[in-house]
């Protein structure tokens, strides 16, 4: 059976009526907006928040990320990769990498 890439998988996530330039002006971002701005998946942003690797506030049912904390997370990840550490890697993936 062939696996095909659907149209939804080919296109990066977008929010209606918001351009990436508008996101640069906002001091606080949602998970989806953070995903668009950084190019990371929303799953990666959410996973880092849940693991405590990315500082954020939960207000009501929404997770709000301050832009400086998003930058700090990316810088921390870059430093970890330079040292051979992978801060956002999952346990399952960690076993596969070690093999």
PDB file of N, CA and C in Angstrom:
ATOM      1  N   UNK A   1       0.842  -1.183   0.000  1.00  0.00           N
ATOM      2  CA  UNK A   1       0.000   0.000   0.000  1.00  0.00           C
ATOM      3  C   UNK A   1       0.891   1.251   0.000  1.00  0.00           C
ATOM      4  N   UNK A   2       0.619   2.141  -0.912  1.00  0.00           N
ATOM      5  CA  UNK A   2       1.388   3.385  -0.997  1.00  0.00           C
ATOM      6  C   UNK A   2       0.847   4.408  -0.012  1.00  0.00           C
ATOM      7  N   UNK A   3       1.770   5.112   0.595  1.00  0.00           N
ATOM      8  CA  UNK A   3       1.371   6.206   1.470  1.00  0.00           C
ATOM      9  C   UNK A   3       1.535   7.501   0.697  1.00  0.00           C
ATOM     10  N   UNK A   4       0.487   8.295   0.655  1.00  0.00           N
ATOM     11  CA  UNK A   4       0.560   9.558  -0.061  1.00  0.00           C
ATOM     12  C   UNK A   4       0.478  10.713   0.926  1.00  0.00           C
ATOM     13  N   UNK A   5       1.101  11.780   0.587  1.00  0.00           N
ATOM     14  CA  UNK A   5       1.062  12.979   1.413  1.00  0.00           C
ATOM     15  C   UNK A   5      -0.186  13.761   1.040  1.00  0.00           C
ATOM     16  N   UNK A   6      -0.991  14.023   2.036  1.00  0.00           N
ATOM     17  CA  UNK A   6      -2.210  14.787   1.770  1.00  0.00           C
ATOM     18  C   UNK A   6      -1.868  16.258   1.642  1.00  0.00           C
ATOM     19  N   UNK A   7      -2.787  16.995   1.091  1.00  0.00           N
ATOM     20  CA  UNK A   7      -2.591  18.427   0.894  1.00  0.00           C
ATOM     21  C   UNK A   7      -2.373  19.142   2.224  1.00  0.00           C
ATOM     22  N   UNK A   8      -3.048  18.692   3.276  1.00  0.00           N
ATOM     23  CA  UNK A   8      -2.913  19.317   4.600  1.00  0.00           C
ATOM     24  C   UNK A   8      -1.506  19.128   5.151  1.00  0.00           C
ATOM     25  N   UNK A   9      -0.852  18.010   4.849  1.00  0.00           N
ATOM     26  CA  UNK A   9       0.497  17.759   5.341  1.00  0.00           C
ATOM     27  C   UNK A   9       1.536  18.583   4.590  1.00  0.00           C
ATOM     28  N   UNK A  10       1.268  18.953   3.369  1.00  0.00           N
ATOM     29  CA  UNK A  10       2.224  19.702   2.569  1.00  0.00           C
ATOM     30  C   UNK A  10       2.315  21.164   2.962  1.00  0.00           C
ATOM     31  N   UNK A  11       1.197  21.730   3.432  1.00  0.00           N
ATOM     32  CA  UNK A  11       1.159  23.155   3.727  1.00  0.00           C
ATOM     33  C   UNK A  11       1.465  23.425   5.195  1.00  0.00           C
ATOM     34  N   UNK A  12       2.239  24.454   5.497  1.00  0.00           N
ATOM     35  CA  UNK A  12       2.483  24.798   6.895  1.00  0.00           C
ATOM     36  C   UNK A  12       1.203  25.317   7.534  1.00  0.00           C
ATOM     37  N   UNK A  13       1.093  25.198   8.875  1.00  0.00           N
ATOM     38  CA  UNK A  13      -0.129  25.676   9.521  1.00  0.00           C
ATOM     39  C   UNK A  13      -0.273  27.187   9.397  1.00  0.00           C
ATOM     40  N   UNK A  14      -1.492  27.633   9.242  1.00  0.00           N
ATOM     41  CA  UNK A  14      -1.758  29.067   9.187  1.00  0.00           C
ATOM     42  C   UNK A  14      -3.002  29.376   9.998  1.00  0.00           C
ATOM     43  N   UNK A  15      -3.063  30.561  10.520  1.00  0.00           N
ATOM     44  CA  UNK A  15      -4.251  31.031  11.215  1.00  0.00           C
ATOM     45  C   UNK A  15      -4.946  32.014  10.296  1.00  0.00           C
ATOM     46  N   UNK A  16      -6.268  31.996  10.274  1.00  0.00           N
ATOM     47  CA  UNK A  16      -6.971  32.915   9.376  1.00  0.00           C
ATOM     48  C   UNK A  16      -6.710  34.373   9.736  1.00  0.00           C
ATOM     49  N   UNK A  17      -6.478  35.172   8.729  1.00  0.00           N
ATOM     50  CA  UNK A  17      -6.315  36.621   8.871  1.00  0.00           C
ATOM     51  C   UNK A  17      -5.114  37.054   9.710  1.00  0.00           C
ATOM     52  N   UNK A  18      -4.132  36.200   9.912  1.00  0.00           N
ATOM     53  CA  UNK A  18      -2.931  36.587  10.662  1.00  0.00           C
ATOM     54  C   UNK A  18      -1.718  36.268   9.801  1.00  0.00           C
ATOM     55  N   UNK A  19      -0.927  37.277   9.542  1.00  0.00           N
ATOM     56  CA  UNK A  19       0.304  37.046   8.794  1.00  0.00           C
ATOM     57  C   UNK A  19       1.455  36.893   9.789  1.00  0.00           C
ATOM     58  N   UNK A  20       2.537  36.226   9.406  1.00  0.00           N
ATOM     59  CA  UNK A  20       3.690  36.117  10.295  1.00  0.00           C
ATOM     60  C   UNK A  20       4.222  37.478  10.737  1.00  0.00           C
ATOM     61  N   UNK A  21       4.058  38.497   9.910  1.00  0.00           N
ATOM     62  CA  UNK A  21       4.506  39.836  10.313  1.00  0.00           C
ATOM     63  C   UNK A  21       3.696  40.360  11.498  1.00  0.00           C
ATOM     64  N   UNK A  22       2.407  40.045  11.534  1.00  0.00           N
ATOM     65  CA  UNK A  22       1.574  40.438  12.672  1.00  0.00           C
ATOM     66  C   UNK A  22       2.030  39.738  13.948  1.00  0.00           C
ATOM     67  N   UNK A  23       2.506  38.513  13.819  1.00  0.00           N
ATOM     68  CA  UNK A  23       2.934  37.753  14.991  1.00  0.00           C
ATOM     69  C   UNK A  23       4.180  38.361  15.631  1.00  0.00           C
ATOM     70  N   UNK A  24       5.033  38.981  14.822  1.00  0.00           N
ATOM     71  CA  UNK A  24       6.243  39.609  15.368  1.00  0.00           C
ATOM     72  C   UNK A  24       5.899  40.764  16.297  1.00  0.00           C
ATOM     73  N   UNK A  25       4.769  41.398  16.097  1.00  0.00           N
ATOM     74  CA  UNK A  25       4.383  42.550  16.912  1.00  0.00           C
ATOM     75  C   UNK A  25       3.723  42.141  18.228  1.00  0.00           C
ATOM     76  N   UNK A  26       3.279  40.898  18.340  1.00  0.00           N
ATOM     77  CA  UNK A  26       2.582  40.450  19.544  1.00  0.00           C
ATOM     78  C   UNK A  26       3.576  39.995  20.618  1.00  0.00           C
ATOM     79  N   UNK A  27       3.409  40.452  21.874  1.00  0.00           N
ATOM     80  CA  UNK A  27       4.320  39.998  22.929  1.00  0.00           C
ATOM     81  C   UNK A  27       3.998  38.590  23.429  1.00  0.00           C
ATOM     82  N   UNK A  28       2.732  38.160  23.306  1.00  0.00           N
ATOM     83  CA  UNK A  28       2.306  36.837  23.758  1.00  0.00           C
ATOM     84  C   UNK A  28       1.699  36.074  22.589  1.00  0.00           C
ATOM     85  N   UNK A  29       1.983  34.761  22.558  1.00  0.00           N
ATOM     86  CA  UNK A  29       1.533  33.939  21.434  1.00  0.00           C
ATOM     87  C   UNK A  29       0.831  32.685  21.928  1.00  0.00           C
ATOM     88  N   UNK A  30      -0.095  32.183  21.133  1.00  0.00           N
ATOM     89  CA  UNK A  30      -0.702  30.883  21.406  1.00  0.00           C
ATOM     90  C   UNK A  30       0.261  29.799  20.905  1.00  0.00           C
ATOM     91  N   UNK A  31      -0.076  28.559  21.174  1.00  0.00           N
ATOM     92  CA  UNK A  31       0.745  27.454  20.680  1.00  0.00           C
ATOM     93  C   UNK A  31       0.773  27.457  19.156  1.00  0.00           C
ATOM     94  N   UNK A  32      -0.376  27.669  18.541  1.00  0.00           N
ATOM     95  CA  UNK A  32      -0.440  27.666  17.080  1.00  0.00           C
ATOM     96  C   UNK A  32       0.359  28.830  16.485  1.00  0.00           C
ATOM     97  N   UNK A  33       0.244  30.012  17.086  1.00  0.00           N
ATOM     98  CA  UNK A  33       1.007  31.166  16.612  1.00  0.00           C
ATOM     99  C   UNK A  33       2.508  30.945  16.794  1.00  0.00           C
ATOM    100  N   UNK A  34       2.894  30.327  17.905  1.00  0.00           N
ATOM    101  CA  UNK A  34       4.307  30.010  18.147  1.00  0.00           C
ATOM    102  C   UNK A  34       4.818  29.044  17.095  1.00  0.00           C
ATOM    103  N   UNK A  35       3.969  28.101  16.720  1.00  0.00           N
ATOM    104  CA  UNK A  35       4.323  27.133  15.692  1.00  0.00           C
ATOM    105  C   UNK A  35       4.583  27.816  14.355  1.00  0.00           C
ATOM    106  N   UNK A  36       3.701  28.722  13.988  1.00  0.00           N
ATOM    107  CA  UNK A  36       3.849  29.439  12.718  1.00  0.00           C
ATOM    108  C   UNK A  36       5.111  30.291  12.729  1.00  0.00           C
ATOM    109  N   UNK A  37       5.351  30.980  13.824  1.00  0.00           N
ATOM    110  CA  UNK A  37       6.488  31.898  13.904  1.00  0.00           C
ATOM    111  C   UNK A  37       7.824  31.164  13.878  1.00  0.00           C
ATOM    112  N   UNK A  38       7.903  30.007  14.551  1.00  0.00           N
ATOM    113  CA  UNK A  38       9.173  29.292  14.648  1.00  0.00           C
ATOM    114  C   UNK A  38       9.379  28.243  13.567  1.00  0.00           C
ATOM    115  N   UNK A  39       8.276  27.776  12.972  1.00  0.00           N
ATOM    116  CA  UNK A  39       8.396  26.687  12.006  1.00  0.00           C
ATOM    117  C   UNK A  39       8.381  25.325  12.674  1.00  0.00           C
ATOM    118  N   UNK A  40       8.282  25.283  14.004  1.00  0.00           N
ATOM    119  CA  UNK A  40       8.157  24.023  14.726  1.00  0.00           C
ATOM    120  C   UNK A  40       6.700  23.580  14.690  1.00  0.00           C
ATOM    121  N   UNK A  41       6.458  22.302  14.891  1.00  0.00           N
ATOM    122  CA  UNK A  41       5.074  21.844  14.906  1.00  0.00           C
ATOM    123  C   UNK A  41       4.406  22.263  16.209  1.00  0.00           C
ATOM    124  N   UNK A  42       3.091  22.370  16.165  1.00  0.00           N
ATOM    125  CA  UNK A  42       2.341  22.693  17.380  1.00  0.00           C
ATOM    126  C   UNK A  42       2.545  21.593  18.414  1.00  0.00           C
ATOM    127  N   UNK A  43       2.683  20.348  17.968  1.00  0.00           N
ATOM    128  CA  UNK A  43       2.925  19.238  18.881  1.00  0.00           C
ATOM    129  C   UNK A  43       4.232  19.451  19.642  1.00  0.00           C
ATOM    130  N   UNK A  44       5.291  19.877  18.962  1.00  0.00           N
ATOM    131  CA  UNK A  44       6.586  20.106  19.610  1.00  0.00           C
ATOM    132  C   UNK A  44       6.488  21.212  20.652  1.00  0.00           C
ATOM    133  N   UNK A  45       5.804  22.292  20.323  1.00  0.00           N
ATOM    134  CA  UNK A  45       5.617  23.401  21.269  1.00  0.00           C
ATOM    135  C   UNK A  45       4.827  22.915  22.483  1.00  0.00           C
ATOM    136  N   UNK A  46       3.728  22.220  22.236  1.00  0.00           N
ATOM    137  CA  UNK A  46       2.876  21.710  23.323  1.00  0.00           C
ATOM    138  C   UNK A  46       3.638  20.718  24.193  1.00  0.00           C
ATOM    139  N   UNK A  47       4.408  19.832  23.572  1.00  0.00           N
ATOM    140  CA  UNK A  47       5.197  18.824  24.291  1.00  0.00           C
ATOM    141  C   UNK A  47       6.237  19.498  25.190  1.00  0.00           C
ATOM    142  N   UNK A  48       6.918  20.488  24.672  1.00  0.00           N
ATOM    143  CA  UNK A  48       7.928  21.202  25.464  1.00  0.00           C
ATOM    144  C   UNK A  48       7.278  21.910  26.652  1.00  0.00           C
ATOM    145  N   UNK A  49       6.098  22.470  26.451  1.00  0.00           N
ATOM    146  CA  UNK A  49       5.368  23.127  27.544  1.00  0.00           C
ATOM    147  C   UNK A  49       4.994  22.107  28.614  1.00  0.00           C
ATOM    148  N   UNK A  50       4.458  20.982  28.206  1.00  0.00           N
ATOM    149  CA  UNK A  50       4.029  19.954  29.167  1.00  0.00           C
ATOM    150  C   UNK A  50       5.197  19.358  29.935  1.00  0.00           C
ATOM    151  N   UNK A  51       6.353  19.260  29.292  1.00  0.00           N
ATOM    152  CA  UNK A  51       7.552  18.718  29.938  1.00  0.00           C
ATOM    153  C   UNK A  51       8.260  19.743  30.823  1.00  0.00           C
ATOM    154  N   UNK A  52       7.799  20.995  30.781  1.00  0.00           N
ATOM    155  CA  UNK A  52       8.431  22.038  31.579  1.00  0.00           C
ATOM    156  C   UNK A  52       9.667  22.634  30.930  1.00  0.00           C
ATOM    157  N   UNK A  53       9.877  22.351  29.653  1.00  0.00           N
ATOM    158  CA  UNK A  53      11.038  22.869  28.937  1.00  0.00           C
ATOM    159  C   UNK A  53      10.772  24.245  28.345  1.00  0.00           C
ATOM    160  N   UNK A  54       9.503  24.611  28.251  1.00  0.00           N
ATOM    161  CA  UNK A  54       9.103  25.900  27.691  1.00  0.00           C
ATOM    162  C   UNK A  54       8.175  26.580  28.686  1.00  0.00           C
ATOM    163  N   UNK A  55       8.564  27.747  29.158  1.00  0.00           N
ATOM    164  CA  UNK A  55       7.736  28.493  30.105  1.00  0.00           C
ATOM    165  C   UNK A  55       6.525  29.068  29.390  1.00  0.00           C
ATOM    166  N   UNK A  56       5.378  28.922  30.013  1.00  0.00           N
ATOM    167  CA  UNK A  56       4.133  29.448  29.460  1.00  0.00           C
ATOM    168  C   UNK A  56       3.124  29.545  30.590  1.00  0.00           C
ATOM    169  N   UNK A  57       2.045  30.268  30.345  1.00  0.00           N
ATOM    170  CA  UNK A  57       0.971  30.400  31.324  1.00  0.00           C
ATOM    171  C   UNK A  57      -0.302  29.816  30.733  1.00  0.00           C
ATOM    172  N   UNK A  58      -1.056  29.140  31.572  1.00  0.00           N
ATOM    173  CA  UNK A  58      -2.351  28.638  31.122  1.00  0.00           C
ATOM    174  C   UNK A  58      -3.402  29.564  31.706  1.00  0.00           C
ATOM    175  N   UNK A  59      -4.096  30.259  30.839  1.00  0.00           N
ATOM    176  CA  UNK A  59      -5.132  31.216  31.235  1.00  0.00           C
ATOM    177  C   UNK A  59      -6.443  30.711  30.653  1.00  0.00           C
ATOM    178  N   UNK A  60      -7.357  30.354  31.549  1.00  0.00           N
ATOM    179  CA  UNK A  60      -8.578  29.706  31.082  1.00  0.00           C
ATOM    180  C   UNK A  60      -8.191  28.374  30.476  1.00  0.00           C
ATOM    181  N   UNK A  61      -8.578  28.133  29.277  1.00  0.00           N
ATOM    182  CA  UNK A  61      -8.190  26.907  28.587  1.00  0.00           C
ATOM    183  C   UNK A  61      -7.065  27.106  27.597  1.00  0.00           C
ATOM    184  N   UNK A  62      -6.493  28.313  27.557  1.00  0.00           N
ATOM    185  CA  UNK A  62      -5.466  28.629  26.556  1.00  0.00           C
ATOM    186  C   UNK A  62      -4.080  28.663  27.164  1.00  0.00           C
ATOM    187  N   UNK A  63      -3.120  28.213  26.391  1.00  0.00           N
ATOM    188  CA  UNK A  63      -1.719  28.317  26.780  1.00  0.00           C
ATOM    189  C   UNK A  63      -1.157  29.553  26.091  1.00  0.00           C
ATOM    190  N   UNK A  64      -0.557  30.441  26.885  1.00  0.00           N
ATOM    191  CA  UNK A  64      -0.012  31.695  26.358  1.00  0.00           C
ATOM    192  C   UNK A  64       1.494  31.694  26.599  1.00  0.00           C
ATOM    193  N   UNK A  65       2.242  31.947  25.538  1.00  0.00           N
ATOM    194  CA  UNK A  65       3.702  31.905  25.597  1.00  0.00           C
ATOM    195  C   UNK A  65       4.248  33.299  25.329  1.00  0.00           C
ATOM    196  N   UNK A  66       5.084  33.772  26.251  1.00  0.00           N
ATOM    197  CA  UNK A  66       5.730  35.060  26.027  1.00  0.00           C
ATOM    198  C   UNK A  66       6.854  34.847  25.021  1.00  0.00           C
ATOM    199  N   UNK A  67       6.993  35.782  24.107  1.00  0.00           N
ATOM    200  CA  UNK A  67       7.955  35.615  23.019  1.00  0.00           C
ATOM    201  C   UNK A  67       9.381  35.405  23.531  1.00  0.00           C
ATOM    202  N   UNK A  68       9.750  36.105  24.606  1.00  0.00           N
ATOM    203  CA  UNK A  68      11.117  35.951  25.123  1.00  0.00           C
ATOM    204  C   UNK A  68      11.352  34.535  25.653  1.00  0.00           C
ATOM    205  N   UNK A  69      10.297  33.883  26.173  1.00  0.00           N
ATOM    206  CA  UNK A  69      10.430  32.503  26.638  1.00  0.00           C
ATOM    207  C   UNK A  69      10.558  31.536  25.462  1.00  0.00           C
ATOM    208  N   UNK A  70       9.915  31.839  24.368  1.00  0.00           N
ATOM    209  CA  UNK A  70      10.037  31.028  23.160  1.00  0.00           C
ATOM    210  C   UNK A  70      11.458  31.112  22.604  1.00  0.00           C
ATOM    211  N   UNK A  71      12.003  32.312  22.600  1.00  0.00           N
ATOM    212  CA  UNK A  71      13.388  32.510  22.145  1.00  0.00           C
ATOM    213  C   UNK A  71      14.352  31.773  23.072  1.00  0.00           C
ATOM    214  N   UNK A  72      14.114  31.860  24.384  1.00  0.00           N
ATOM    215  CA  UNK A  72      14.974  31.180  25.355  1.00  0.00           C
ATOM    216  C   UNK A  72      14.930  29.665  25.163  1.00  0.00           C
ATOM    217  N   UNK A  73      13.750  29.124  24.869  1.00  0.00           N
ATOM    218  CA  UNK A  73      13.613  27.689  24.621  1.00  0.00           C
ATOM    219  C   UNK A  73      14.424  27.269  23.398  1.00  0.00           C
ATOM    220  N   UNK A  74      14.344  28.044  22.340  1.00  0.00           N
ATOM    221  CA  UNK A  74      15.084  27.713  21.118  1.00  0.00           C
ATOM    222  C   UNK A  74      16.589  27.803  21.364  1.00  0.00           C
ATOM    223  N   UNK A  75      17.025  28.842  22.061  1.00  0.00           N
ATOM    224  CA  UNK A  75      18.450  28.984  22.371  1.00  0.00           C
ATOM    225  C   UNK A  75      18.936  27.824  23.241  1.00  0.00           C
ATOM    226  N   UNK A  76      18.138  27.437  24.235  1.00  0.00           N
ATOM    227  CA  UNK A  76      18.477  26.317  25.107  1.00  0.00           C
ATOM    228  C   UNK A  76      18.579  25.025  24.295  1.00  0.00           C
ATOM    229  N   UNK A  77      17.659  24.841  23.360  1.00  0.00           N
ATOM    230  CA  UNK A  77      17.681  23.655  22.514  1.00  0.00           C
ATOM    231  C   UNK A  77      18.929  23.628  21.630  1.00  0.00           C
ATOM    232  N   UNK A  78      19.303  24.794  21.090  1.00  0.00           N
ATOM    233  CA  UNK A  78      20.508  24.877  20.255  1.00  0.00           C
ATOM    234  C   UNK A  78      21.748  24.528  21.066  1.00  0.00           C
ATOM    235  N   UNK A  79      21.824  25.011  22.300  1.00  0.00           N
ATOM    236  CA  UNK A  79      22.971  24.715  23.160  1.00  0.00           C
ATOM    237  C   UNK A  79      23.026  23.231  23.493  1.00  0.00           C
ATOM    238  N   UNK A  80      21.853  22.637  23.750  1.00  0.00           N
ATOM    239  CA  UNK A  80      21.790  21.211  24.060  1.00  0.00           C
ATOM    240  C   UNK A  80      22.234  20.357  22.896  1.00  0.00           C
ATOM    241  N   UNK A  81      21.816  20.698  21.700  1.00  0.00           N
ATOM    242  CA  UNK A  81      22.204  19.944  20.507  1.00  0.00           C
ATOM    243  C   UNK A  81      23.707  20.062  20.283  1.00  0.00           C
ATOM    244  N   UNK A  82      24.270  21.230  20.539  1.00  0.00           N
ATOM    245  CA  UNK A  82      25.713  21.413  20.384  1.00  0.00           C
ATOM    246  C   UNK A  82      26.484  20.517  21.352  1.00  0.00           C
ATOM    247  N   UNK A  83      25.886  20.233  22.519  1.00  0.00           N
ATOM    248  CA  UNK A  83      26.525  19.370  23.521  1.00  0.00           C
ATOM    249  C   UNK A  83      26.183  17.898  23.314  1.00  0.00           C
ATOM    250  N   UNK A  84      25.338  17.597  22.322  1.00  0.00           N
ATOM    251  CA  UNK A  84      24.927  16.225  22.084  1.00  0.00           C
ATOM    252  C   UNK A  84      23.685  15.826  22.851  1.00  0.00           C
ATOM    253  N   UNK A  85      22.996  16.790  23.446  1.00  0.00           N
ATOM    254  CA  UNK A  85      21.756  16.522  24.173  1.00  0.00           C
ATOM    255  C   UNK A  85      20.585  16.920  23.285  1.00  0.00           C
ATOM    256  N   UNK A  86      19.480  16.277  23.476  1.00  0.00           N
ATOM    257  CA  UNK A  86      18.287  16.585  22.691  1.00  0.00           C
ATOM    258  C   UNK A  86      17.132  16.824  23.657  1.00  0.00           C
ATOM    259  N   UNK A  87      16.925  18.075  24.097  1.00  0.00           N
ATOM    260  CA  UNK A  87      15.967  18.367  25.157  1.00  0.00           C
ATOM    261  C   UNK A  87      14.514  18.051  24.839  1.00  0.00           C
ATOM    262  N   UNK A  88      14.126  18.010  23.599  1.00  0.00           N
ATOM    263  CA  UNK A  88      12.718  17.802  23.263  1.00  0.00           C
ATOM    264  C   UNK A  88      12.458  16.390  22.749  1.00  0.00           C
ATOM    265  N   UNK A  89      13.426  15.500  22.917  1.00  0.00           N
ATOM    266  CA  UNK A  89      13.285  14.168  22.359  1.00  0.00           C
ATOM    267  C   UNK A  89      12.436  13.296  23.291  1.00  0.00           C
ATOM    268  N   UNK A  90      11.633  12.421  22.742  1.00  0.00           N
ATOM    269  CA  UNK A  90      10.783  11.560  23.553  1.00  0.00           C
ATOM    270  C   UNK A  90      11.531  10.290  23.940  1.00  0.00           C
ATOM    271  N   UNK A  91      11.041   9.574  24.941  1.00  0.00           N
ATOM    272  CA  UNK A  91      11.688   8.340  25.410  1.00  0.00           C
ATOM    273  C   UNK A  91      11.777   7.307  24.285  1.00  0.00           C
ATOM    274  N   UNK A  92      10.691   7.152  23.515  1.00  0.00           N
ATOM    275  CA  UNK A  92      10.682   6.178  22.424  1.00  0.00           C
ATOM    276  C   UNK A  92      11.768   6.528  21.400  1.00  0.00           C
ATOM    277  N   UNK A  93      11.842   7.810  21.056  1.00  0.00           N
ATOM    278  CA  UNK A  93      12.826   8.263  20.074  1.00  0.00           C
ATOM    279  C   UNK A  93      14.235   8.105  20.641  1.00  0.00           C
ATOM    280  N   UNK A  94      14.395   8.346  21.954  1.00  0.00           N
ATOM    281  CA  UNK A  94      15.697   8.230  22.594  1.00  0.00           C
ATOM    282  C   UNK A  94      16.232   6.802  22.465  1.00  0.00           C
ATOM    283  N   UNK A  95      15.378   5.799  22.638  1.00  0.00           N
ATOM    284  CA  UNK A  95      15.797   4.402  22.496  1.00  0.00           C
ATOM    285  C   UNK A  95      16.235   4.120  21.069  1.00  0.00           C
ATOM    286  N   UNK A  96      15.518   4.663  20.093  1.00  0.00           N
ATOM    287  CA  UNK A  96      15.853   4.450  18.684  1.00  0.00           C
ATOM    288  C   UNK A  96      17.184   5.104  18.332  1.00  0.00           C
ATOM    289  N   UNK A  97      17.457   6.285  18.905  1.00  0.00           N
ATOM    290  CA  UNK A  97      18.707   6.997  18.616  1.00  0.00           C
ATOM    291  C   UNK A  97      19.889   6.242  19.200  1.00  0.00           C
ATOM    292  N   UNK A  98      19.734   5.667  20.393  1.00  0.00           N
ATOM    293  CA  UNK A  98      20.826   4.943  21.048  1.00  0.00           C
ATOM    294  C   UNK A  98      21.158   3.640  20.342  1.00  0.00           C
ATOM    295  N   UNK A  99      20.195   3.040  19.658  1.00  0.00           N
ATOM    296  CA  UNK A  99      20.401   1.747  18.991  1.00  0.00           C
ATOM    297  C   UNK A  99      21.313   1.860  17.807  1.00  0.00           C
TER     298      UNK A  99
END
